[in-house]
Amino acid sequence: MMALMFAKKILKIAVKVFAGILVVDLLFVLVMSQISLTRKSEAIIILGAAINTPALYNRTITALELYEQGLADMLVLSGGQGIPGRMTEAENMRQIILENSQKTPNLIIEDQSHSTIENIKNSREKIPEAKSIIIVSDKFHLARAYLIAKRNGFASVNWTGPKSDYYSDKELFYYYFREVAALIIDAPKILMN
């Protein structure tokens, strides 16, 4: 009987701790999505998304605008192949940039990643001397990307994202909660990097 009461008490505590983690996680994702911090940096890293989608197009255009404003000297296009035999996310970004830029920017292609952790890690390997970056992704994605970038040794991590008006409210709800879950799932990987 005592063991059962003790187990129930432990379970209640565990549920409260987990609920607390979820709330803090959600608040962190929401706060980071409402802030845009763009200072002069050494590179702009665009995080990939499915090719030929509004997400990838708008991330890329946002990064190109920052580049053309002189906020960085290079663009790192980060994203691998979602479907074998099709172009990579990085190649799709390159096409978008070349179609929309006044002059050919300084582009670094990272086309091997398949996750946010790989995007940042592989981009870091492409620009090992960089200390400051601007991450461009959808706003709901920025909190996790920021933590991963800091863990990968970038001293100054700035971030921004395009307006999310190409998503429905239902889609945004899904993506925000997916990021909360991803942050919890990726936490051990981020910490152990």
Protein backbone atom coordinates (compact mmCIF):
# COMPACT_ATOMS: atom_id res chain seq x y z
CA MET A 1 0.00 0.00 0.00
CA MET A 2 2.81 2.40 0.92
CA ALA A 3 4.64 1.56 -2.31
CA LEU A 4 1.52 2.36 -4.36
CA MET A 5 1.06 5.72 -2.62
CA PHE A 6 4.74 6.52 -3.17
CA ALA A 7 4.47 5.57 -6.86
CA LYS A 8 1.40 7.82 -7.27
CA LYS A 9 3.25 10.71 -5.63
CA ILE A 10 6.24 10.23 -7.93
CA LEU A 11 3.94 10.06 -10.95
CA LYS A 12 2.21 13.33 -9.95
CA ILE A 13 5.58 15.04 -9.56
CA ALA A 14 6.75 13.70 -12.94
CA VAL A 15 3.57 14.93 -14.65
CA LYS A 16 4.00 18.40 -13.09
CA VAL A 17 7.66 18.56 -14.12
CA PHE A 18 6.82 17.50 -17.67
CA ALA A 19 3.97 20.05 -17.85
CA GLY A 20 6.37 22.72 -16.61
CA ILE A 21 8.90 21.81 -19.28
CA LEU A 22 6.20 21.99 -21.96
CA VAL A 23 5.08 25.44 -20.80
CA VAL A 24 8.64 26.81 -20.67
CA ASP A 25 9.39 25.25 -24.06
CA LEU A 26 6.25 26.73 -25.64
CA LEU A 27 6.99 30.17 -24.18
CA PHE A 28 10.55 30.05 -25.51
CA VAL A 29 9.36 29.12 -29.02
CA LEU A 30 6.67 31.84 -28.94
CA VAL A 31 8.98 34.58 -27.63
CA MET A 32 11.76 33.77 -30.12
CA SER A 33 9.22 33.82 -32.97
CA GLN A 34 8.14 37.34 -32.07
CA ILE A 35 11.65 38.81 -32.01
CA SER A 36 13.84 39.46 -35.01
CA LEU A 37 17.50 40.22 -34.35
CA THR A 38 19.58 41.08 -37.40
CA ARG A 39 23.00 42.66 -36.92
CA LYS A 40 25.98 42.71 -39.25
CA SER A 41 27.31 39.16 -39.27
CA GLU A 42 29.83 37.09 -41.16
CA ALA A 43 27.26 34.81 -42.80
CA ILE A 44 23.56 34.27 -43.31
CA ILE A 45 22.45 30.63 -43.04
CA ILE A 46 19.19 29.75 -44.75
CA LEU A 47 17.66 26.59 -43.32
CA GLY A 48 16.08 24.30 -45.87
CA ALA A 49 12.47 23.32 -46.38
CA ALA A 50 10.72 21.24 -49.02
CA ILE A 51 11.67 22.37 -52.53
CA ASN A 52 9.30 24.55 -54.55
CA THR A 53 7.30 25.57 -51.47
CA PRO A 54 6.36 29.02 -50.18
CA ALA A 55 8.42 28.28 -47.05
CA LEU A 56 11.67 27.73 -48.95
CA TYR A 57 11.00 30.60 -51.36
CA ASN A 58 10.20 33.12 -48.60
CA ARG A 59 13.12 32.06 -46.40
CA THR A 60 15.43 32.49 -49.37
CA ILE A 61 14.07 35.89 -50.41
CA THR A 62 14.28 37.15 -46.81
CA ALA A 63 17.93 36.08 -46.62
CA LEU A 64 18.71 37.63 -50.01
CA GLU A 65 17.23 40.95 -48.84
CA LEU A 66 19.45 40.89 -45.74
CA TYR A 67 22.48 40.07 -47.90
CA GLU A 68 21.69 42.91 -50.30
CA GLN A 69 21.38 45.29 -47.31
CA GLY A 70 24.99 44.40 -46.49
CA LEU A 71 24.29 42.47 -43.29
CA ALA A 72 26.66 39.64 -44.29
CA ASP A 73 29.26 38.82 -46.92
CA MET A 74 28.05 35.31 -47.70
CA LEU A 75 24.91 33.22 -47.91
CA VAL A 76 25.04 29.60 -46.76
CA LEU A 77 22.31 27.60 -48.48
CA SER A 78 21.66 24.62 -46.24
CA GLY A 79 19.44 21.72 -47.23
CA GLY A 80 19.85 18.27 -48.69
CA GLN A 81 17.71 16.06 -50.84
CA GLY A 82 14.23 15.34 -49.58
CA ILE A 83 13.38 12.89 -52.34
CA PRO A 84 16.14 10.85 -54.05
CA GLY A 85 16.73 11.92 -57.63
CA ARG A 86 15.31 15.42 -57.15
CA MET A 87 17.19 18.66 -56.68
CA THR A 88 18.42 19.54 -53.22
CA GLU A 89 16.90 22.27 -51.10
CA ALA A 90 20.20 24.17 -51.40
CA GLU A 91 20.06 23.99 -55.21
CA ASN A 92 16.46 25.24 -55.19
CA MET A 93 17.59 28.17 -53.00
CA ARG A 94 20.43 28.91 -55.42
CA GLN A 95 17.97 29.08 -58.31
CA ILE A 96 15.68 31.43 -56.38
CA ILE A 97 18.60 33.72 -55.52
CA LEU A 98 19.96 33.85 -59.06
CA GLU A 99 16.49 34.65 -60.41
CA ASN A 100 15.94 37.46 -57.88
CA SER A 101 19.32 39.08 -57.24
CA GLN A 102 20.87 42.09 -58.92
CA LYS A 103 24.33 40.53 -58.89
CA THR A 104 25.64 37.07 -58.12
CA PRO A 105 26.06 36.79 -54.35
CA ASN A 106 28.78 34.91 -52.51
CA LEU A 107 27.06 31.52 -52.10
CA ILE A 108 28.18 28.52 -50.08
CA ILE A 109 26.26 25.33 -50.79
CA GLU A 110 25.59 22.80 -48.02
CA ASP A 111 23.52 20.07 -49.64
CA GLN A 112 23.97 17.06 -47.35
CA SER A 113 21.73 17.86 -44.37
CA HIS A 114 18.37 16.27 -43.60
CA SER A 115 17.53 17.89 -40.25
CA THR A 116 17.94 21.18 -38.42
CA ILE A 117 20.81 19.76 -36.39
CA GLU A 118 22.58 18.69 -39.60
CA ASN A 119 21.81 22.06 -41.27
CA ILE A 120 23.68 23.94 -38.55
CA LYS A 121 26.45 21.37 -38.01
CA ASN A 122 27.22 21.03 -41.73
CA SER A 123 27.01 24.79 -42.28
CA ARG A 124 29.47 25.24 -39.40
CA GLU A 125 31.89 22.94 -41.19
CA LYS A 126 31.58 25.07 -44.34
CA ILE A 127 32.36 28.29 -42.44
CA PRO A 128 34.65 27.15 -39.58
CA GLU A 129 36.10 30.61 -38.88
CA ALA A 130 32.75 32.42 -38.66
CA LYS A 131 31.85 33.74 -35.25
CA SER A 132 28.61 35.54 -36.12
CA ILE A 133 25.64 34.42 -38.19
CA ILE A 134 22.07 35.29 -39.03
CA ILE A 135 19.75 32.29 -39.24
CA VAL A 136 16.80 32.60 -41.60
CA SER A 137 13.94 30.16 -41.24
CA ASP A 138 10.24 30.23 -40.46
CA LYS A 139 9.61 32.01 -37.18
CA PHE A 140 8.33 28.93 -35.36
CA HIS A 141 11.65 27.20 -36.18
CA LEU A 142 14.01 29.87 -34.85
CA ALA A 143 14.21 28.92 -31.15
CA ARG A 144 15.55 25.43 -31.83
CA ALA A 145 17.84 26.67 -34.62
CA TYR A 146 19.25 29.32 -32.27
CA LEU A 147 20.07 26.78 -29.55
CA ILE A 148 21.68 24.41 -32.05
CA ALA A 149 23.79 27.23 -33.52
CA LYS A 150 24.98 28.36 -30.10
CA ARG A 151 25.86 24.77 -29.21
CA ASN A 152 27.83 24.48 -32.46
CA GLY A 153 30.13 27.31 -31.41
CA PHE A 154 28.73 30.43 -33.08
CA ALA A 155 29.45 33.27 -30.64
CA SER A 156 26.82 35.63 -32.02
CA VAL A 157 23.60 34.16 -33.37
CA ASN A 158 21.04 36.49 -34.89
CA TRP A 159 17.76 35.36 -36.39
CA THR A 160 14.79 36.36 -38.48
CA GLY A 161 12.10 34.82 -40.60
CA PRO A 162 9.61 35.84 -43.25
CA LYS A 163 6.01 36.68 -42.45
CA SER A 164 4.07 33.47 -42.05
CA ASP A 165 1.05 34.55 -44.11
CA TYR A 166 1.47 31.61 -46.50
CA TYR A 167 0.39 29.26 -43.69
CA SER A 168 -3.19 28.82 -42.50
CA ASP A 169 -3.89 29.27 -38.79
CA LYS A 170 -4.35 25.51 -38.49
CA GLU A 171 -0.95 24.88 -40.11
CA LEU A 172 0.75 27.42 -37.83
CA PHE A 173 -0.81 25.80 -34.77
CA TYR A 174 0.55 22.44 -35.93
CA TYR A 175 4.05 23.80 -36.69
CA TYR A 176 4.38 25.64 -33.38
CA PHE A 177 3.46 22.56 -31.40
CA ARG A 178 5.65 20.39 -33.59
CA GLU A 179 8.57 22.69 -32.71
CA VAL A 180 7.79 22.38 -29.01
CA ALA A 181 7.98 18.59 -29.38
CA ALA A 182 11.10 18.78 -31.56
CA LEU A 183 12.84 20.96 -29.00
CA ILE A 184 12.17 18.39 -26.28
CA ILE A 185 13.21 15.49 -28.53
CA ASP A 186 16.35 17.26 -29.79
CA ALA A 187 17.41 18.55 -26.35
CA PRO A 188 19.70 15.57 -25.60
CA LYS A 189 21.28 15.82 -29.06
CA ILE A 190 21.79 19.58 -28.67
CA LEU A 191 23.28 19.17 -25.21
CA MET A 192 25.52 16.25 -26.19
CA ASN A 193 26.83 17.84 -29.40
